[in-house]
Amino acid sequence: MLNILLAPTVPERARLSNPVPPTSVSSPPESRNVLFPSPPSSESLPTPPTRVSLPAPPIIVASALR
């Protein structure tokens, strides 16, 4: 919820700070991805955690079996 609330505030500041420069228009998208990893995080977060959590249990099981 905090990310959603902070997301709108950051883009607005970027737009207000760099409303004239056309280059800023191309840069905001990149900053948005970094500042608002909502889309990427939803895709990247689920995958890494699952991969990390999966390998971890096997190691514990292997050590337990030993």
PDB file of N, CA and C in Angstrom:
ATOM      1  N   MET A   1       0.842  -1.200   0.000  1.00  0.00           N
ATOM      2  CA  MET A   1       0.000   0.000   0.000  1.00  0.00           C
ATOM      3  C   MET A   1       0.876   1.250   0.000  1.00  0.00           C
ATOM      4  N   LEU A   2       1.967   1.202   0.717  1.00  0.00           N
ATOM      5  CA  LEU A   2       2.863   2.361   0.761  1.00  0.00           C
ATOM      6  C   LEU A   2       3.457   2.600  -0.621  1.00  0.00           C
ATOM      7  N   ASN A   3       3.804   1.521  -1.326  1.00  0.00           N
ATOM      8  CA  ASN A   3       4.394   1.675  -2.657  1.00  0.00           C
ATOM      9  C   ASN A   3       3.404   2.361  -3.593  1.00  0.00           C
ATOM     10  N   ILE A   4       2.129   1.985  -3.491  1.00  0.00           N
ATOM     11  CA  ILE A   4       1.126   2.580  -4.369  1.00  0.00           C
ATOM     12  C   ILE A   4       0.977   4.072  -4.059  1.00  0.00           C
ATOM     13  N   LEU A   5       1.012   4.412  -2.780  1.00  0.00           N
ATOM     14  CA  LEU A   5       0.850   5.820  -2.402  1.00  0.00           C
ATOM     15  C   LEU A   5       2.087   6.622  -2.809  1.00  0.00           C
ATOM     16  N   LEU A   6       3.255   6.041  -2.664  1.00  0.00           N
ATOM     17  CA  LEU A   6       4.491   6.748  -2.999  1.00  0.00           C
ATOM     18  C   LEU A   6       4.664   6.838  -4.511  1.00  0.00           C
ATOM     19  N   ALA A   7       4.188   5.844  -5.237  1.00  0.00           N
ATOM     20  CA  ALA A   7       4.349   5.824  -6.695  1.00  0.00           C
ATOM     21  C   ALA A   7       3.794   7.098  -7.337  1.00  0.00           C
ATOM     22  N   PRO A   8       2.534   7.456  -7.070  1.00  0.00           N
ATOM     23  CA  PRO A   8       1.947   8.647  -7.702  1.00  0.00           C
ATOM     24  C   PRO A   8       2.692   9.921  -7.337  1.00  0.00           C
ATOM     25  N   THR A   9       3.210   9.996  -6.126  1.00  0.00           N
ATOM     26  CA  THR A   9       3.884  11.218  -5.693  1.00  0.00           C
ATOM     27  C   THR A   9       5.204  11.389  -6.440  1.00  0.00           C
ATOM     28  N   VAL A  10       5.929  10.317  -6.649  1.00  0.00           N
ATOM     29  CA  VAL A  10       7.229  10.423  -7.329  1.00  0.00           C
ATOM     30  C   VAL A  10       7.065  10.875  -8.773  1.00  0.00           C
ATOM     31  N   PRO A  11       6.172  10.240  -9.548  1.00  0.00           N
ATOM     32  CA  PRO A  11       5.988  10.660 -10.945  1.00  0.00           C
ATOM     33  C   PRO A  11       5.572  12.120 -11.044  1.00  0.00           C
ATOM     34  N   GLU A  12       4.698  12.546 -10.133  1.00  0.00           N
ATOM     35  CA  GLU A  12       4.247  13.933 -10.164  1.00  0.00           C
ATOM     36  C   GLU A  12       5.437  14.865  -9.959  1.00  0.00           C
ATOM     37  N   ARG A  13       6.308  14.528  -9.012  1.00  0.00           N
ATOM     38  CA  ARG A  13       7.478  15.370  -8.758  1.00  0.00           C
ATOM     39  C   ARG A  13       8.385  15.387  -9.982  1.00  0.00           C
ATOM     40  N   ALA A  14       8.556  14.250 -10.600  1.00  0.00           N
ATOM     41  CA  ALA A  14       9.416  14.176 -11.788  1.00  0.00           C
ATOM     42  C   ALA A  14       8.825  15.038 -12.901  1.00  0.00           C
ATOM     43  N   ARG A  15       7.511  14.958 -13.077  1.00  0.00           N
ATOM     44  CA  ARG A  15       6.865  15.741 -14.125  1.00  0.00           C
ATOM     45  C   ARG A  15       6.992  17.230 -13.817  1.00  0.00           C
ATOM     46  N   LEU A  16       6.801  17.588 -12.561  1.00  0.00           N
ATOM     47  CA  LEU A  16       6.876  19.008 -12.192  1.00  0.00           C
ATOM     48  C   LEU A  16       8.316  19.510 -12.302  1.00  0.00           C
ATOM     49  N   SER A  17       9.267  18.667 -11.932  1.00  0.00           N
ATOM     50  CA  SER A  17      10.659  19.099 -11.957  1.00  0.00           C
ATOM     51  C   SER A  17      11.185  19.171 -13.396  1.00  0.00           C
ATOM     52  N   ASN A  18      10.753  18.219 -14.247  1.00  0.00           N
ATOM     53  CA  ASN A  18      11.247  18.193 -15.631  1.00  0.00           C
ATOM     54  C   ASN A  18      10.065  18.164 -16.612  1.00  0.00           C
ATOM     55  N   PRO A  19       9.234  19.210 -16.600  1.00  0.00           N
ATOM     56  CA  PRO A  19       8.080  19.222 -17.500  1.00  0.00           C
ATOM     57  C   PRO A  19       8.464  19.657 -18.912  1.00  0.00           C
ATOM     58  N   VAL A  20       9.499  20.494 -19.040  1.00  0.00           N
ATOM     59  CA  VAL A  20       9.853  21.048 -20.350  1.00  0.00           C
ATOM     60  C   VAL A  20      10.799  20.120 -21.118  1.00  0.00           C
ATOM     61  N   PRO A  21      11.909  19.687 -20.533  1.00  0.00           N
ATOM     62  CA  PRO A  21      12.888  18.890 -21.276  1.00  0.00           C
ATOM     63  C   PRO A  21      12.276  17.622 -21.853  1.00  0.00           C
ATOM     64  N   PRO A  22      12.394  17.406 -23.174  1.00  0.00           N
ATOM     65  CA  PRO A  22      11.852  16.197 -23.816  1.00  0.00           C
ATOM     66  C   PRO A  22      12.622  14.950 -23.372  1.00  0.00           C
ATOM     67  N   THR A  23      13.901  15.138 -23.058  1.00  0.00           N
ATOM     68  CA  THR A  23      14.731  14.008 -22.618  1.00  0.00           C
ATOM     69  C   THR A  23      14.176  13.450 -21.312  1.00  0.00           C
ATOM     70  N   SER A  24      13.635  14.331 -20.467  1.00  0.00           N
ATOM     71  CA  SER A  24      13.076  13.883 -19.176  1.00  0.00           C
ATOM     72  C   SER A  24      11.904  12.936 -19.428  1.00  0.00           C
ATOM     73  N   VAL A  25      11.198  13.148 -20.533  1.00  0.00           N
ATOM     74  CA  VAL A  25      10.051  12.272 -20.841  1.00  0.00           C
ATOM     75  C   VAL A  25      10.540  10.851 -21.058  1.00  0.00           C
ATOM     76  N   SER A  26      11.685  10.709 -21.710  1.00  0.00           N
ATOM     77  CA  SER A  26      12.213   9.364 -21.966  1.00  0.00           C
ATOM     78  C   SER A  26      12.835   8.781 -20.694  1.00  0.00           C
ATOM     79  N   SER A  27      13.368   9.641 -19.831  1.00  0.00           N
ATOM     80  CA  SER A  27      13.999   9.153 -18.594  1.00  0.00           C
ATOM     81  C   SER A  27      12.966   8.744 -17.539  1.00  0.00           C
ATOM     82  N   PRO A  28      11.861   9.490 -17.368  1.00  0.00           N
ATOM     83  CA  PRO A  28      10.850   9.107 -16.373  1.00  0.00           C
ATOM     84  C   PRO A  28      10.431   7.644 -16.482  1.00  0.00           C
ATOM     85  N   PRO A  29      10.150   7.121 -17.688  1.00  0.00           N
ATOM     86  CA  PRO A  29       9.758   5.702 -17.797  1.00  0.00           C
ATOM     87  C   PRO A  29      10.775   4.798 -17.112  1.00  0.00           C
ATOM     88  N   GLU A  30      12.065   5.066 -17.352  1.00  0.00           N
ATOM     89  CA  GLU A  30      13.095   4.227 -16.735  1.00  0.00           C
ATOM     90  C   GLU A  30      13.061   4.395 -15.221  1.00  0.00           C
ATOM     91  N   SER A  31      12.952   5.640 -14.762  1.00  0.00           N
ATOM     92  CA  SER A  31      12.930   5.881 -13.314  1.00  0.00           C
ATOM     93  C   SER A  31      11.667   5.264 -12.714  1.00  0.00           C
ATOM     94  N   ARG A  32      10.575   5.310 -13.475  1.00  0.00           N
ATOM     95  CA  ARG A  32       9.329   4.727 -12.965  1.00  0.00           C
ATOM     96  C   ARG A  32       9.527   3.232 -12.727  1.00  0.00           C
ATOM     97  N   ASN A  33      10.172   2.557 -13.651  1.00  0.00           N
ATOM     98  CA  ASN A  33      10.405   1.119 -13.490  1.00  0.00           C
ATOM     99  C   ASN A  33      11.233   0.861 -12.230  1.00  0.00           C
ATOM    100  N   VAL A  34      12.224   1.724 -11.989  1.00  0.00           N
ATOM    101  CA  VAL A  34      13.086   1.533 -10.817  1.00  0.00           C
ATOM    102  C   VAL A  34      12.352   1.952  -9.544  1.00  0.00           C
ATOM    103  N   LEU A  35      11.683   3.101  -9.605  1.00  0.00           N
ATOM    104  CA  LEU A  35      10.992   3.603  -8.419  1.00  0.00           C
ATOM    105  C   LEU A  35       9.730   2.791  -8.150  1.00  0.00           C
ATOM    106  N   PHE A  36       9.031   2.430  -9.240  1.00  0.00           N
ATOM    107  CA  PHE A  36       7.779   1.673  -9.063  1.00  0.00           C
ATOM    108  C   PHE A  36       7.952   0.276  -9.630  1.00  0.00           C
ATOM    109  N   PRO A  37       8.659  -0.571  -8.924  1.00  0.00           N
ATOM    110  CA  PRO A  37       8.851  -1.949  -9.410  1.00  0.00           C
ATOM    111  C   PRO A  37       7.597  -2.777  -9.188  1.00  0.00           C
ATOM    112  N   SER A  38       6.424  -2.136  -9.274  1.00  0.00           N
ATOM    113  CA  SER A  38       5.184  -2.881  -9.055  1.00  0.00           C
ATOM    114  C   SER A  38       5.003  -3.954 -10.135  1.00  0.00           C
ATOM    115  N   PRO A  39       5.080  -3.600 -11.444  1.00  0.00           N
ATOM    116  CA  PRO A  39       4.944  -4.641 -12.474  1.00  0.00           C
ATOM    117  C   PRO A  39       6.119  -5.621 -12.452  1.00  0.00           C
ATOM    118  N   PRO A  40       7.358  -5.105 -12.488  1.00  0.00           N
ATOM    119  CA  PRO A  40       8.518  -6.005 -12.486  1.00  0.00           C
ATOM    120  C   PRO A  40       8.609  -6.810 -11.195  1.00  0.00           C
ATOM    121  N   SER A  41       8.305  -6.170 -10.082  1.00  0.00           N
ATOM    122  CA  SER A  41       8.413  -6.863  -8.793  1.00  0.00           C
ATOM    123  C   SER A  41       7.420  -8.015  -8.744  1.00  0.00           C
ATOM    124  N   SER A  42       6.206  -7.789  -9.259  1.00  0.00           N
ATOM    125  CA  SER A  42       5.191  -8.848  -9.221  1.00  0.00           C
ATOM    126  C   SER A  42       5.675 -10.047 -10.031  1.00  0.00           C
ATOM    127  N   GLU A  43       6.438  -9.780 -11.109  1.00  0.00           N
ATOM    128  CA  GLU A  43       6.914 -10.892 -11.938  1.00  0.00           C
ATOM    129  C   GLU A  43       8.254 -11.414 -11.424  1.00  0.00           C
ATOM    130  N   SER A  44       9.155 -10.499 -11.049  1.00  0.00           N
ATOM    131  CA  SER A  44      10.502 -10.928 -10.645  1.00  0.00           C
ATOM    132  C   SER A  44      10.494 -11.447  -9.206  1.00  0.00           C
ATOM    133  N   LEU A  45       9.719 -10.819  -8.331  1.00  0.00           N
ATOM    134  CA  LEU A  45       9.701 -11.243  -6.926  1.00  0.00           C
ATOM    135  C   LEU A  45       9.195 -12.681  -6.773  1.00  0.00           C
ATOM    136  N   PRO A  46       8.045 -13.003  -7.342  1.00  0.00           N
ATOM    137  CA  PRO A  46       7.515 -14.366  -7.186  1.00  0.00           C
ATOM    138  C   PRO A  46       8.513 -15.414  -7.651  1.00  0.00           C
ATOM    139  N   THR A  47       9.197 -15.163  -8.751  1.00  0.00           N
ATOM    140  CA  THR A  47      10.095 -16.185  -9.296  1.00  0.00           C
ATOM    141  C   THR A  47      11.333 -16.395  -8.422  1.00  0.00           C
ATOM    142  N   PRO A  48      12.116 -15.331  -8.109  1.00  0.00           N
ATOM    143  CA  PRO A  48      13.324 -15.524  -7.290  1.00  0.00           C
ATOM    144  C   PRO A  48      13.014 -16.166  -5.941  1.00  0.00           C
ATOM    145  N   PRO A  49      12.036 -15.642  -5.197  1.00  0.00           N
ATOM    146  CA  PRO A  49      11.728 -16.209  -3.874  1.00  0.00           C
ATOM    147  C   PRO A  49      11.429 -17.700  -3.986  1.00  0.00           C
ATOM    148  N   THR A  50      10.633 -18.081  -4.984  1.00  0.00           N
ATOM    149  CA  THR A  50      10.280 -19.500  -5.131  1.00  0.00           C
ATOM    150  C   THR A  50      11.539 -20.305  -5.426  1.00  0.00           C
ATOM    151  N   ARG A  51      12.385 -19.785  -6.313  1.00  0.00           N
ATOM    152  CA  ARG A  51      13.611 -20.511  -6.647  1.00  0.00           C
ATOM    153  C   ARG A  51      14.520 -20.605  -5.421  1.00  0.00           C
ATOM    154  N   VAL A  52      14.632 -19.497  -4.699  1.00  0.00           N
ATOM    155  CA  VAL A  52      15.508 -19.501  -3.515  1.00  0.00           C
ATOM    156  C   VAL A  52      14.927 -20.400  -2.433  1.00  0.00           C
ATOM    157  N   SER A  53      13.613 -20.338  -2.252  1.00  0.00           N
ATOM    158  CA  SER A  53      12.977 -21.143  -1.194  1.00  0.00           C
ATOM    159  C   SER A  53      13.029 -22.629  -1.555  1.00  0.00           C
ATOM    160  N   LEU A  54      12.919 -22.937  -2.841  1.00  0.00           N
ATOM    161  CA  LEU A  54      12.953 -24.348  -3.243  1.00  0.00           C
ATOM    162  C   LEU A  54      14.326 -24.968  -2.984  1.00  0.00           C
ATOM    163  N   PRO A  55      15.397 -24.331  -3.461  1.00  0.00           N
ATOM    164  CA  PRO A  55      16.738 -24.890  -3.239  1.00  0.00           C
ATOM    165  C   PRO A  55      17.062 -25.005  -1.750  1.00  0.00           C
ATOM    166  N   ALA A  56      16.597 -24.078  -0.952  1.00  0.00           N
ATOM    167  CA  ALA A  56      16.927 -24.090   0.482  1.00  0.00           C
ATOM    168  C   ALA A  56      16.406 -25.363   1.157  1.00  0.00           C
ATOM    169  N   PRO A  57      15.123 -25.685   1.032  1.00  0.00           N
ATOM    170  CA  PRO A  57      14.586 -26.899   1.666  1.00  0.00           C
ATOM    171  C   PRO A  57      15.382 -28.144   1.276  1.00  0.00           C
ATOM    172  N   PRO A  58      15.653 -28.387  -0.013  1.00  0.00           N
ATOM    173  CA  PRO A  58      16.430 -29.561  -0.429  1.00  0.00           C
ATOM    174  C   PRO A  58      17.727 -29.684   0.360  1.00  0.00           C
ATOM    175  N   ILE A  59      18.420 -28.557   0.554  1.00  0.00           N
ATOM    176  CA  ILE A  59      19.693 -28.592   1.294  1.00  0.00           C
ATOM    177  C   ILE A  59      19.435 -29.054   2.728  1.00  0.00           C
ATOM    178  N   ILE A  60      18.387 -28.531   3.330  1.00  0.00           N
ATOM    179  CA  ILE A  60      18.066 -28.914   4.716  1.00  0.00           C
ATOM    180  C   ILE A  60      17.710 -30.398   4.764  1.00  0.00           C
ATOM    181  N   VAL A  61      16.938 -30.835   3.777  1.00  0.00           N
ATOM    182  CA  VAL A  61      16.537 -32.250   3.740  1.00  0.00           C
ATOM    183  C   VAL A  61      17.774 -33.120   3.557  1.00  0.00           C
ATOM    184  N   ALA A  62      18.659 -32.718   2.653  1.00  0.00           N
ATOM    185  CA  ALA A  62      19.874 -33.505   2.405  1.00  0.00           C
ATOM    186  C   ALA A  62      20.695 -33.603   3.691  1.00  0.00           C
ATOM    187  N   SER A  63      20.838 -32.498   4.396  1.00  0.00           N
ATOM    188  CA  SER A  63      21.613 -32.514   5.642  1.00  0.00           C
ATOM    189  C   SER A  63      20.898 -33.368   6.682  1.00  0.00           C
ATOM    190  N   ALA A  64      19.565 -33.302   6.708  1.00  0.00           N
ATOM    191  CA  ALA A  64      18.793 -34.093   7.676  1.00  0.00           C
ATOM    192  C   ALA A  64      18.960 -35.582   7.374  1.00  0.00           C
ATOM    193  N   LEU A  65      18.943 -35.923   6.070  1.00  0.00           N
ATOM    194  CA  LEU A  65      19.105 -37.337   5.696  1.00  0.00           C
ATOM    195  C   LEU A  65      20.485 -37.826   6.109  1.00  0.00           C
ATOM    196  N   ARG A  66      21.487 -36.967   5.942  1.00  0.00           N
ATOM    197  CA  ARG A  66      22.850 -37.361   6.311  1.00  0.00           C
ATOM    198  C   ARG A  66      22.890 -37.618   7.814  1.00  0.00           C
TER     199      ARG A  66
END
